Amino acid sequence: MSRITTAGIWPDEIRSDRFASLISRSDPGGCRVALLGLADDMGVRMNGGRVGAAEGPYGFRTALARYGERLPMAGSLPRVFDAGDVVAGLSMAETHDRVTRASRALLELDLIPVGIGGGHDLTFALVRGLAEITRKPLVGIYLDAHLDVRERDGSGMTFRRILQQCRPDGLHAFGLDPFSNSAEDLAWFEANGGTVGGFGFDGAWPEGDLFVSLDMDVIDQAFAPGVSAMNPIGWSPARAENWVRAAGRNPRVRMFDIMELAPRHDPDGRTARLAARLFLAFLQGVAERPNEP
């Protein structure tokens, strides 16, 4: 993927007792999960949101370098490969094509891609890579304050494009802000195969190949101010972690992402640190999957 990605940027020194010191930056051999930086927020800009999510992968890696023990009391975690950052193109379509190629390449290595972004439109490009290769029913789950089913291009069109082009057998939205979504968008979503809710994190998840997307703005702005659009009454971090760990634990989850982390709006780093914590919770879930080494 050297033509479409560049090496992820980490702090110059990472303490040997940190989990990040175990992340491979050159060889995916023996790894179960792959980090993929999505350092682009053209869609956010087009949508009129707060720009800064292009810095999300860097902010995330910086936080992860400082948070997380090498041998945590939570138990052993799966090995992680850092696949680097997708190089943004001159247009949204070009960037999306590169993300899809990177996503598919990682899936074909039997890795679980974890996208770190970046505008939420990039989730569409990630999922398209999975849709191209799956032979099973494809079902999506997203944790977000917004439906993101707008017709016009931008970060708010993600799940309309997924429904139209990836043709999932189901799409479930959780965490919606009733004052930030129009009745018209909700009607379109439900008429085109979308469902608000449908099960709990500890309930029976849908069958098929699953993808899970976490927009950091599903979390209350008191805990996650560093996002493209702050949420005045959002989820608690503990609630988000319940879903993320359950996603990791489910052996049918093929792909996960953490989106719209905007470090320039996160002066004390709390949002990035929370994103790092949620990533580790996802890894903990993966370690608990049946038959995982």
Protein backbone atom coordinates (compact mmCIF):
# COMPACT_ATOMS: atom_id res chain seq x y z
CA MET A 1 0.00 0.00 0.00
CA SER A 2 3.07 2.23 -0.20
CA ARG A 3 1.59 4.31 -3.02
CA ILE A 4 -1.53 5.26 -1.12
CA THR A 5 -0.32 5.43 2.48
CA THR A 6 2.44 7.13 4.40
CA ALA A 7 3.92 6.08 7.74
CA GLY A 8 1.92 7.09 10.78
CA ILE A 9 3.52 9.76 12.96
CA TRP A 10 4.28 8.74 16.56
CA PRO A 11 6.15 10.59 19.31
CA ASP A 12 9.92 10.21 18.99
CA GLU A 13 10.13 8.23 22.21
CA ILE A 14 7.61 5.69 23.50
CA ARG A 15 8.29 4.16 26.88
CA SER A 16 8.89 0.42 26.79
CA ASP A 17 6.18 -0.17 29.40
CA ARG A 18 3.48 1.31 27.14
CA PHE A 19 1.23 -0.78 24.93
CA ALA A 20 2.13 1.40 21.95
CA SER A 21 5.71 0.10 22.12
CA LEU A 22 4.36 -3.28 20.93
CA ILE A 23 2.69 -1.94 17.80
CA SER A 24 4.42 -3.08 14.61
CA ARG A 25 5.05 -0.37 12.06
CA SER A 26 6.63 -2.50 9.33
CA ASP A 27 5.34 -6.07 9.38
CA PRO A 28 1.72 -7.25 9.75
CA GLY A 29 2.85 -10.81 10.43
CA GLY A 30 1.31 -12.21 13.60
CA CYS A 31 -1.00 -9.20 13.97
CA ARG A 32 -4.78 -9.39 14.32
CA VAL A 33 -5.74 -5.70 14.09
CA ALA A 34 -4.53 -2.95 11.76
CA LEU A 35 -4.64 0.77 12.48
CA LEU A 36 -5.37 2.88 9.42
CA GLY A 37 -5.11 6.64 9.72
CA LEU A 38 -7.68 8.67 7.78
CA ALA A 39 -6.11 12.10 7.93
CA ASP A 40 -8.63 14.05 5.90
CA ASP A 41 -11.54 16.34 6.76
CA MET A 42 -12.57 17.69 3.36
CA GLY A 43 -16.04 16.30 4.01
CA VAL A 44 -16.31 18.18 7.30
CA ARG A 45 -15.33 21.40 5.55
CA MET A 46 -17.92 20.79 2.82
CA ASN A 47 -20.50 20.12 5.53
CA GLY A 48 -19.77 23.40 7.34
CA GLY A 49 -18.41 21.66 10.44
CA ARG A 50 -15.39 22.50 12.59
CA VAL A 51 -12.31 21.47 10.65
CA GLY A 52 -9.47 19.70 12.44
CA ALA A 53 -10.34 16.01 12.12
CA ALA A 54 -7.55 15.63 9.56
CA GLU A 55 -5.27 15.76 12.61
CA GLY A 56 -7.18 12.93 14.28
CA PRO A 57 -4.71 10.10 13.52
CA TYR A 58 -1.78 12.10 14.89
CA GLY A 59 -3.69 13.10 18.03
CA PHE A 60 -4.80 9.52 18.53
CA ARG A 61 -1.29 8.05 18.19
CA THR A 62 0.11 10.68 20.53
CA ALA A 63 -2.50 9.82 23.17
CA LEU A 64 -2.04 6.07 22.73
CA ALA A 65 1.72 6.45 23.16
CA ARG A 66 1.07 7.84 26.65
CA TYR A 67 -1.89 5.73 27.77
CA GLY A 68 -2.10 1.96 28.12
CA GLU A 69 0.22 -0.46 29.90
CA ARG A 70 2.30 -2.97 27.96
CA LEU A 71 0.96 -5.73 30.22
CA PRO A 72 -2.37 -4.40 31.51
CA MET A 73 -4.37 -6.00 34.28
CA ALA A 74 -7.17 -6.16 31.69
CA GLY A 75 -5.32 -9.08 30.12
CA SER A 76 -3.24 -9.70 27.03
CA LEU A 77 -4.26 -7.75 23.95
CA PRO A 78 -3.96 -8.80 20.29
CA ARG A 79 -0.99 -7.63 18.27
CA VAL A 80 -1.53 -4.47 16.24
CA PHE A 81 -0.04 -3.37 12.93
CA ASP A 82 0.09 0.34 12.08
CA ALA A 83 -0.68 0.49 8.36
CA GLY A 84 0.00 4.24 8.28
CA ASP A 85 -2.16 7.09 6.99
CA VAL A 86 -3.97 7.11 3.69
CA VAL A 87 -2.66 9.97 1.56
CA ALA A 88 -5.52 12.35 0.82
CA GLY A 89 -6.26 12.95 -2.85
CA LEU A 90 -7.13 16.16 -4.65
CA SER A 91 -10.83 15.32 -4.50
CA MET A 92 -13.16 13.50 -2.13
CA ALA A 93 -13.66 10.74 -4.69
CA GLU A 94 -9.91 10.18 -5.06
CA THR A 95 -9.43 10.01 -1.29
CA HIS A 96 -12.34 7.61 -0.96
CA ASP A 97 -10.89 5.34 -3.66
CA ARG A 98 -7.57 5.18 -1.82
CA VAL A 99 -9.26 4.40 1.50
CA THR A 100 -11.26 1.61 -0.14
CA ARG A 101 -8.12 0.08 -1.64
CA ALA A 102 -6.33 0.22 1.72
CA SER A 103 -9.34 -1.23 3.53
CA ARG A 104 -9.64 -4.14 1.13
CA ALA A 105 -5.90 -4.87 1.25
CA LEU A 106 -5.98 -5.15 5.05
CA LEU A 107 -9.08 -7.35 5.01
CA GLU A 108 -7.40 -9.66 2.50
CA LEU A 109 -4.55 -10.08 5.01
CA ASP A 110 -7.21 -11.32 7.48
CA LEU A 111 -6.71 -8.25 9.64
CA ILE A 112 -9.44 -6.25 11.35
CA PRO A 113 -9.06 -2.69 10.03
CA VAL A 114 -9.58 0.05 12.61
CA GLY A 115 -9.91 3.41 10.90
CA ILE A 116 -8.93 6.54 12.83
CA GLY A 117 -10.24 9.78 11.43
CA GLY A 118 -10.96 12.03 9.99
CA GLY A 119 -14.30 13.06 8.49
CA HIS A 120 -17.10 10.54 8.91
CA ASP A 121 -17.56 10.34 5.13
CA LEU A 122 -14.43 8.16 5.14
CA THR A 123 -16.40 5.41 6.86
CA PHE A 124 -18.24 4.94 3.57
CA ALA A 125 -14.93 4.34 1.79
CA LEU A 126 -13.79 1.88 4.47
CA VAL A 127 -17.03 -0.08 4.33
CA ARG A 128 -16.96 -0.18 0.55
CA GLY A 129 -13.79 -2.26 0.79
CA LEU A 130 -15.63 -4.81 2.94
CA ALA A 131 -18.70 -4.76 0.70
CA GLU A 132 -16.52 -5.63 -2.30
CA ILE A 133 -15.30 -8.90 -0.79
CA THR A 134 -17.96 -10.17 1.60
CA ARG A 135 -20.17 -13.07 0.50
CA LYS A 136 -22.28 -12.92 3.63
CA PRO A 137 -25.06 -10.55 4.60
CA LEU A 138 -23.49 -7.18 5.44
CA VAL A 139 -24.88 -5.28 8.41
CA GLY A 140 -23.75 -1.94 9.81
CA ILE A 141 -23.92 -0.47 13.30
CA TYR A 142 -23.05 3.13 14.01
CA LEU A 143 -22.84 5.13 17.21
CA ASP A 144 -23.42 8.75 16.30
CA ALA A 145 -25.41 11.82 17.24
CA HIS A 146 -26.29 12.25 13.55
CA LEU A 147 -27.99 10.09 10.94
CA ASP A 148 -25.59 11.33 8.23
CA VAL A 149 -27.96 10.59 5.34
CA ARG A 150 -27.81 13.93 3.57
CA GLU A 151 -27.94 13.85 -0.19
CA ARG A 152 -25.18 16.37 -0.87
CA ASP A 153 -21.53 15.41 -0.67
CA GLY A 154 -19.79 15.97 2.64
CA SER A 155 -19.27 14.26 5.96
CA GLY A 156 -23.04 14.14 6.48
CA MET A 157 -23.76 11.81 3.54
CA THR A 158 -21.97 8.68 4.84
CA PHE A 159 -24.81 6.32 5.56
CA ARG A 160 -26.92 7.36 2.59
CA ARG A 161 -24.00 6.33 0.36
CA ILE A 162 -23.55 3.08 2.27
CA LEU A 163 -27.24 2.22 1.87
CA GLN A 164 -27.22 3.18 -1.81
CA GLN A 165 -23.89 1.72 -2.94
CA CYS A 166 -22.85 -0.97 -0.45
CA ARG A 167 -26.36 -2.42 -0.16
CA PRO A 168 -26.17 -3.68 3.44
CA ASP A 169 -28.84 -6.07 4.66
CA GLY A 170 -29.33 -3.83 7.68
CA LEU A 171 -28.07 -0.60 9.18
CA HIS A 172 -28.62 0.30 12.85
CA ALA A 173 -28.07 3.77 14.33
CA PHE A 174 -27.59 4.40 18.06
CA GLY A 175 -27.11 7.60 20.06
CA LEU A 176 -29.01 10.00 17.79
CA ASP A 177 -29.67 13.53 19.01
CA PRO A 178 -33.39 14.17 18.28
CA PHE A 179 -32.73 17.89 17.83
CA SER A 180 -29.85 17.48 15.39
CA ASN A 181 -31.65 15.28 12.87
CA SER A 182 -34.59 16.19 10.67
CA ALA A 183 -37.82 14.25 10.48
CA GLU A 184 -37.27 14.12 6.72
CA ASP A 185 -33.88 12.42 7.11
CA LEU A 186 -35.31 9.92 9.59
CA ALA A 187 -38.12 9.05 7.19
CA TRP A 188 -35.64 8.50 4.34
CA PHE A 189 -33.41 6.37 6.57
CA GLU A 190 -36.21 4.08 7.71
CA ALA A 191 -37.71 3.82 4.22
CA ASN A 192 -34.37 2.67 2.83
CA GLY A 193 -33.51 -0.11 5.25
CA GLY A 194 -32.22 1.77 8.28
CA THR A 195 -33.28 1.10 11.87
CA VAL A 196 -32.90 3.30 14.93
CA GLY A 197 -31.73 0.96 17.67
CA GLY A 198 -32.97 -2.59 17.45
CA PHE A 199 -30.90 -4.35 20.12
CA GLY A 200 -28.64 -3.66 23.08
CA PHE A 201 -24.89 -3.97 23.34
CA ASP A 202 -25.40 -7.09 25.46
CA GLY A 203 -28.22 -8.48 23.32
CA ALA A 204 -28.35 -10.56 20.15
CA TRP A 205 -26.48 -8.75 17.39
CA PRO A 206 -27.50 -9.24 13.74
CA GLU A 207 -26.11 -12.12 11.70
CA GLY A 208 -23.64 -11.63 8.85
CA ASP A 209 -20.44 -9.65 8.43
CA LEU A 210 -20.63 -6.58 10.65
CA PHE A 211 -18.99 -3.18 10.63
CA VAL A 212 -19.14 -0.79 13.57
CA SER A 213 -18.49 2.94 13.38
CA LEU A 214 -18.00 5.22 16.37
CA ASP A 215 -18.31 8.95 15.79
CA MET A 216 -16.77 10.58 18.85
CA ASP A 217 -19.59 13.13 18.87
CA VAL A 218 -21.97 10.50 20.24
CA ILE A 219 -20.21 11.21 23.57
CA ASP A 220 -21.16 14.19 25.71
CA GLN A 221 -19.10 17.32 25.07
CA ALA A 222 -18.00 17.39 28.72
CA PHE A 223 -15.91 14.29 27.96
CA ALA A 224 -15.32 14.77 24.23
CA PRO A 225 -15.04 18.44 23.24
CA GLY A 226 -12.45 17.73 20.54
CA VAL A 227 -14.83 16.70 17.77
CA SER A 228 -16.24 18.19 14.59
CA ALA A 229 -19.65 18.87 16.18
CA MET A 230 -19.97 18.86 19.98
CA ASN A 231 -22.89 17.02 21.60
CA PRO A 232 -24.51 18.90 24.51
CA ILE A 233 -26.33 15.83 25.87
CA GLY A 234 -24.46 12.77 24.68
CA TRP A 235 -23.42 9.38 25.96
CA SER A 236 -21.14 8.78 28.89
CA PRO A 237 -17.72 7.27 28.12
CA ALA A 238 -18.76 4.15 30.04
CA ARG A 239 -21.77 3.65 27.79
CA ALA A 240 -19.64 4.03 24.67
CA GLU A 241 -17.10 1.59 26.06
CA ASN A 242 -19.79 -1.04 26.61
CA TRP A 243 -20.65 -0.92 22.91
CA VAL A 244 -17.05 -0.80 21.73
CA ARG A 245 -15.93 -3.74 23.83
CA ALA A 246 -18.98 -5.73 22.69
CA ALA A 247 -18.03 -4.94 19.09
CA GLY A 248 -14.54 -6.23 19.68
CA ARG A 249 -15.86 -9.39 21.30
CA ASN A 250 -18.21 -10.23 18.43
CA PRO A 251 -16.37 -12.54 15.99
CA ARG A 252 -18.50 -11.29 13.09
CA VAL A 253 -17.30 -7.69 13.40
CA ARG A 254 -14.86 -7.33 10.50
CA MET A 255 -14.21 -3.60 10.74
CA PHE A 256 -14.30 -0.77 13.28
CA ASP A 257 -13.53 2.92 13.22
CA ILE A 258 -13.21 5.91 15.55
CA MET A 259 -14.07 9.09 13.66
CA GLU A 260 -14.13 12.89 13.83
CA LEU A 261 -11.47 13.32 16.50
CA ALA A 262 -10.33 16.94 16.10
CA PRO A 263 -7.28 17.63 18.29
CA ARG A 264 -7.18 21.40 17.67
CA HIS A 265 -10.47 21.63 19.62
CA ASP A 266 -9.13 19.37 22.38
CA PRO A 267 -6.65 21.57 24.25
CA ASP A 268 -6.15 19.28 27.23
CA GLY A 269 -6.18 16.10 25.13
CA ARG A 270 -9.15 14.52 26.91
CA THR A 271 -10.95 13.49 23.72
CA ALA A 272 -7.86 11.87 22.22
CA ARG A 273 -7.16 10.06 25.48
CA LEU A 274 -10.72 8.78 25.52
CA ALA A 275 -10.36 7.61 21.90
CA ALA A 276 -7.22 5.71 22.90
CA ARG A 277 -9.06 4.13 25.83
CA LEU A 278 -11.92 3.05 23.57
CA PHE A 279 -9.47 1.52 21.11
CA LEU A 280 -7.93 -0.51 23.92
CA ALA A 281 -11.43 -1.61 24.98
CA PHE A 282 -12.05 -2.81 21.43
CA LEU A 283 -8.80 -4.78 21.56
CA GLN A 284 -9.82 -6.27 24.89
CA GLY A 285 -13.02 -7.45 23.24
CA VAL A 286 -11.09 -8.99 20.33
CA ALA A 287 -8.93 -10.87 22.83
CA GLU A 288 -12.11 -12.34 24.30
CA ARG A 289 -13.39 -13.69 20.99
CA PRO A 290 -13.82 -17.46 20.75
CA ASN A 291 -10.73 -19.21 19.38
CA GLU A 292 -8.63 -16.04 19.42
CA PRO A 293 -4.95 -16.72 20.20
